[in-house]
Amino acid sequence: MQNILFDLDGTLLPMNQEKFVTFYLPLLAEKMKKYDISTNDLISAVWKGFYAMVANDGHQTNEDAFWEAFDAVTGWERTVVEPDVTDFYQNEFNQAVVSTDPTGMAAEIIHTLKEQGKKIYLATNPVFPECATMNRIKWAGLDASDFEAVTTYENSHYCKPNVKYFEEVLRDNHLNPKECLMVGNDVKEDLAAGQLGIKTWLVTDCLEHGEGLDLTKDVKANYQSTLEELLETCRRGEL
């Protein structure tokens, strides 16, 4: 495949999603205490914003969908609080790296593929602002320049597993689905790309939405392996 789409969280950046979210949301709540909101209420508002992005039908960016829902719950004005949220993702958010398990294999995979002339896209679920995504890319030992494009909540109008998310990635980057491979760890979210004829590769180290499934029978991925096995495939030039 000439064009490789990679998920970030749980794929290039190994992590347990629940552990990660449980770690960083209280940090955000602490940052926002000056607005006189409890930790539980702040976290509830963030989840409302998250689900608004997941439900986005494309009429607005995920960024606007998040803030519309978030402001409705908190009663805050976006223009007042957004600078503090941005500052959090640029700074305190980086403490959350300890809740992840970065591996040097991610950088080797990406750099090996690029040396082979592949074009690499970061198809991470666009529920974070750009600054938060740039930091998570760094945690993974990578740089934004490693990718042809990166999806964030500012430039996206849908979320995984909505197939329209993948359609938008294809359209914005002028990609033929038959020339693409989606690599991710989430059975529900990442393998949805297969509905468009994109080949899929399931990375099983930090599997998401695979509970109760027999990976050899119940999962419709073209390929599946550990991250280490994926690296070996890349080294052999077989991707």
Protein backbone atom coordinates (compact mmCIF):
# COMPACT_ATOMS: atom_id res chain seq x y z
CA MET A 1 0.00 0.00 0.00
CA GLN A 2 1.26 3.45 -0.92
CA ASN A 3 -0.71 5.37 1.71
CA ILE A 4 -0.72 4.25 5.34
CA LEU A 5 -3.16 5.74 7.84
CA PHE A 6 -2.16 5.27 11.47
CA ASP A 7 -4.13 5.62 14.66
CA LEU A 8 -2.22 7.21 17.55
CA ASP A 9 -3.57 6.34 21.01
CA GLY A 10 -3.10 2.64 21.69
CA THR A 11 -1.33 2.10 18.36
CA LEU A 12 1.73 4.29 17.83
CA LEU A 13 1.40 5.41 21.44
CA PRO A 14 0.63 2.30 23.51
CA MET A 15 -1.73 3.05 26.37
CA ASN A 16 -4.72 1.93 28.35
CA GLN A 17 -7.36 4.46 27.37
CA GLU A 18 -9.19 4.32 30.70
CA LYS A 19 -5.96 4.85 32.66
CA PHE A 20 -5.01 7.77 30.42
CA VAL A 21 -8.37 9.54 30.67
CA THR A 22 -8.60 8.92 34.41
CA PHE A 23 -5.19 10.51 34.82
CA TYR A 24 -5.52 13.63 32.70
CA LEU A 25 -9.12 14.79 33.29
CA PRO A 26 -8.54 15.62 36.98
CA LEU A 27 -5.53 17.67 35.88
CA LEU A 28 -7.81 19.70 33.60
CA ALA A 29 -10.35 20.05 36.40
CA GLU A 30 -7.64 21.43 38.69
CA LYS A 31 -6.69 23.96 36.01
CA MET A 32 -10.29 25.15 35.74
CA LYS A 33 -11.05 25.41 39.48
CA LYS A 34 -10.71 29.17 39.32
CA TYR A 35 -14.02 29.17 37.44
CA ASP A 36 -15.71 27.67 40.51
CA ILE A 37 -16.63 24.27 39.09
CA SER A 38 -16.21 20.93 40.82
CA THR A 39 -14.02 18.19 39.42
CA ASN A 40 -17.03 15.97 38.76
CA ASP A 41 -18.96 18.72 36.99
CA LEU A 42 -15.98 19.64 34.84
CA ILE A 43 -15.38 16.04 33.83
CA SER A 44 -19.09 15.63 33.07
CA ALA A 45 -18.98 18.70 30.82
CA VAL A 46 -15.95 17.34 28.94
CA TRP A 47 -17.77 14.06 28.32
CA LYS A 48 -20.80 15.97 27.05
CA GLY A 49 -18.50 17.71 24.61
CA PHE A 50 -16.92 14.41 23.61
CA TYR A 51 -20.26 12.78 22.82
CA ALA A 52 -21.31 15.86 20.86
CA MET A 53 -18.25 15.38 18.65
CA VAL A 54 -18.97 11.67 18.20
CA ALA A 55 -22.53 12.58 17.16
CA ASN A 56 -21.41 15.37 14.83
CA ASP A 57 -23.22 15.12 11.51
CA GLY A 58 -20.72 17.27 9.63
CA HIS A 59 -22.51 20.61 9.78
CA GLN A 60 -19.77 22.04 11.99
CA THR A 61 -16.24 21.19 13.04
CA ASN A 62 -15.69 18.90 16.00
CA GLU A 63 -14.15 21.89 17.73
CA ASP A 64 -17.39 23.87 17.48
CA ALA A 65 -19.48 20.82 18.42
CA PHE A 66 -17.39 20.35 21.58
CA TRP A 67 -17.58 23.94 22.71
CA GLU A 68 -21.28 24.27 21.97
CA ALA A 69 -22.03 21.31 24.24
CA PHE A 70 -19.42 22.24 26.85
CA ASP A 71 -20.65 25.81 27.17
CA ALA A 72 -24.27 24.66 27.40
CA VAL A 73 -23.42 22.50 30.42
CA THR A 74 -21.12 24.94 32.23
CA GLY A 75 -22.74 28.22 31.25
CA TRP A 76 -19.28 29.56 30.45
CA GLU A 77 -18.32 31.72 27.52
CA ARG A 78 -15.89 29.94 25.23
CA THR A 79 -13.91 33.10 24.60
CA VAL A 80 -13.27 33.43 28.33
CA VAL A 81 -12.19 29.88 29.20
CA GLU A 82 -10.66 28.56 25.98
CA PRO A 83 -7.27 30.26 26.56
CA ASP A 84 -6.93 28.32 29.84
CA VAL A 85 -7.91 25.06 28.17
CA THR A 86 -5.36 25.65 25.42
CA ASP A 87 -2.70 26.49 28.00
CA PHE A 88 -3.52 23.26 29.83
CA TYR A 89 -3.03 21.13 26.72
CA GLN A 90 0.23 22.89 25.96
CA ASN A 91 1.59 22.43 29.47
CA GLU A 92 0.04 20.42 32.34
CA PHE A 93 -1.38 17.85 29.92
CA ASN A 94 2.15 16.62 29.29
CA GLN A 95 2.19 15.09 32.77
CA ALA A 96 -0.17 12.45 31.37
CA VAL A 97 2.68 10.86 29.44
CA VAL A 98 3.31 8.75 32.56
CA SER A 99 -0.05 7.05 31.95
CA THR A 100 1.13 5.84 28.54
CA ASP A 101 3.81 3.38 27.44
CA PRO A 102 5.84 4.96 24.61
CA THR A 103 7.93 2.61 22.51
CA GLY A 104 10.78 3.21 20.12
CA MET A 105 9.10 0.82 17.70
CA ALA A 106 6.63 3.50 16.65
CA ALA A 107 9.30 5.83 15.29
CA GLU A 108 11.12 2.97 13.60
CA ILE A 109 7.93 1.81 11.90
CA ILE A 110 7.10 5.28 10.58
CA HIS A 111 10.64 6.12 9.50
CA THR A 112 11.12 2.74 7.84
CA LEU A 113 7.94 3.17 5.84
CA LYS A 114 8.88 6.70 4.81
CA GLU A 115 12.28 5.50 3.62
CA GLN A 116 10.39 3.02 1.44
CA GLY A 117 8.49 5.90 -0.16
CA LYS A 118 5.19 5.40 1.67
CA LYS A 119 3.03 8.40 2.52
CA ILE A 120 1.97 8.37 6.16
CA TYR A 121 -1.16 10.01 7.60
CA LEU A 122 -2.13 10.29 11.26
CA ALA A 123 -5.77 9.25 11.43
CA THR A 124 -6.23 9.72 15.15
CA ASN A 125 -9.78 10.22 16.39
CA PRO A 126 -10.15 14.02 16.18
CA VAL A 127 -11.50 14.72 19.65
CA PHE A 128 -8.50 16.72 20.86
CA PRO A 129 -7.27 20.18 19.87
CA GLU A 130 -4.19 20.40 17.70
CA CYS A 131 -1.88 21.34 20.57
CA ALA A 132 -2.88 18.20 22.53
CA THR A 133 -2.39 16.03 19.46
CA MET A 134 1.03 17.52 18.75
CA ASN A 135 2.10 16.70 22.29
CA ARG A 136 0.87 13.11 22.09
CA ILE A 137 2.77 12.73 18.81
CA LYS A 138 5.92 13.82 20.69
CA TRP A 139 5.20 11.35 23.51
CA ALA A 140 5.22 8.63 20.86
CA GLY A 141 8.74 9.69 19.81
CA LEU A 142 7.49 11.22 16.58
CA ASP A 143 7.08 14.64 15.01
CA ALA A 144 4.19 16.20 13.14
CA SER A 145 6.47 16.44 10.09
CA ASP A 146 6.48 12.63 9.94
CA PHE A 147 2.92 12.80 8.60
CA GLU A 148 1.35 14.14 5.45
CA ALA A 149 -1.66 15.22 7.50
CA VAL A 150 -2.97 14.94 11.06
CA THR A 151 -6.64 14.94 12.04
CA THR A 152 -7.59 17.18 14.97
CA TYR A 153 -10.86 18.57 16.24
CA GLU A 154 -10.19 21.84 14.40
CA ASN A 155 -10.00 20.28 10.91
CA SER A 156 -12.51 17.43 11.20
CA HIS A 157 -16.29 17.22 11.04
CA TYR A 158 -16.78 13.59 12.12
CA CYS A 159 -15.32 11.03 14.50
CA LYS A 160 -14.55 7.33 14.33
CA PRO A 161 -16.32 4.97 13.88
CA ASN A 162 -18.45 7.11 11.55
CA VAL A 163 -17.37 6.08 8.07
CA LYS A 164 -17.72 9.74 7.06
CA TYR A 165 -14.60 10.44 9.11
CA PHE A 166 -12.60 8.22 6.77
CA GLU A 167 -14.36 9.68 3.73
CA GLU A 168 -13.26 13.14 4.84
CA VAL A 169 -9.65 11.98 5.27
CA LEU A 170 -9.68 10.45 1.79
CA ARG A 171 -11.28 13.50 0.21
CA ASP A 172 -9.08 16.09 1.93
CA ASN A 173 -5.92 14.23 0.94
CA HIS A 174 -7.06 13.08 -2.52
CA LEU A 175 -6.58 9.42 -1.66
CA ASN A 176 -7.91 6.33 -3.39
CA PRO A 177 -9.25 3.92 -0.73
CA LYS A 178 -7.87 0.96 -2.69
CA GLU A 179 -4.37 2.40 -2.25
CA CYS A 180 -4.71 2.86 1.51
CA LEU A 181 -4.16 0.82 4.66
CA MET A 182 -5.61 1.79 8.06
CA VAL A 183 -3.53 0.64 11.05
CA GLY A 184 -5.15 0.81 14.47
CA ASN A 185 -5.91 -0.96 17.73
CA ASP A 186 -9.66 -0.39 17.95
CA VAL A 187 -11.93 -3.09 16.50
CA LYS A 188 -14.92 -0.76 16.35
CA GLU A 189 -13.33 2.55 15.41
CA ASP A 190 -10.38 1.73 13.18
CA LEU A 191 -11.77 -1.25 11.30
CA ALA A 192 -14.73 0.89 10.19
CA ALA A 193 -12.39 2.09 7.44
CA GLY A 194 -12.87 -1.28 5.78
CA GLN A 195 -16.39 -0.27 4.76
CA LEU A 196 -14.83 2.03 2.15
CA GLY A 197 -12.54 -0.60 0.71
CA ILE A 198 -9.55 0.54 2.77
CA LYS A 199 -7.49 -2.44 3.89
CA THR A 200 -7.16 -2.68 7.67
CA TRP A 201 -4.45 -3.85 10.06
CA LEU A 202 -5.40 -4.48 13.68
CA VAL A 203 -2.61 -3.93 16.23
CA THR A 204 -3.44 -6.16 19.19
CA ASP A 205 -1.13 -4.92 21.98
CA CYS A 206 -3.63 -2.40 23.39
CA LEU A 207 -6.81 -3.81 21.89
CA GLU A 208 -9.99 -1.74 22.22
CA HIS A 209 -13.56 -2.99 21.74
CA GLY A 210 -12.35 -6.56 21.43
CA GLU A 211 -14.01 -7.87 24.57
CA GLY A 212 -15.46 -11.34 24.11
CA LEU A 213 -14.32 -11.57 20.49
CA ASP A 214 -12.38 -14.38 18.92
CA LEU A 215 -9.85 -12.39 16.92
CA THR A 216 -9.39 -15.21 14.44
CA LYS A 217 -13.12 -15.55 13.70
CA ASP A 218 -15.03 -12.45 14.77
CA VAL A 219 -12.80 -9.61 13.61
CA LYS A 220 -12.90 -8.46 9.98
CA ALA A 221 -9.38 -7.07 9.59
CA ASN A 222 -7.26 -7.87 6.57
CA TYR A 223 -4.26 -8.29 8.86
CA GLN A 224 -3.58 -8.35 12.58
CA SER A 225 -0.43 -8.52 14.67
CA THR A 226 1.45 -7.04 17.59
CA LEU A 227 3.32 -3.78 17.07
CA GLU A 228 6.59 -5.69 17.08
CA GLU A 229 5.35 -8.02 14.35
CA LEU A 230 4.23 -4.99 12.35
CA LEU A 231 7.73 -3.54 12.68
CA GLU A 232 9.26 -6.76 11.37
CA THR A 233 6.89 -6.67 8.41
CA CYS A 234 7.96 -3.11 7.68
CA ARG A 235 11.65 -4.02 7.92
CA ARG A 236 11.09 -6.74 5.33
CA GLY A 237 9.41 -4.23 3.04
CA GLU A 238 6.20 -6.27 2.97
CA LEU A 239 3.67 -3.61 3.96
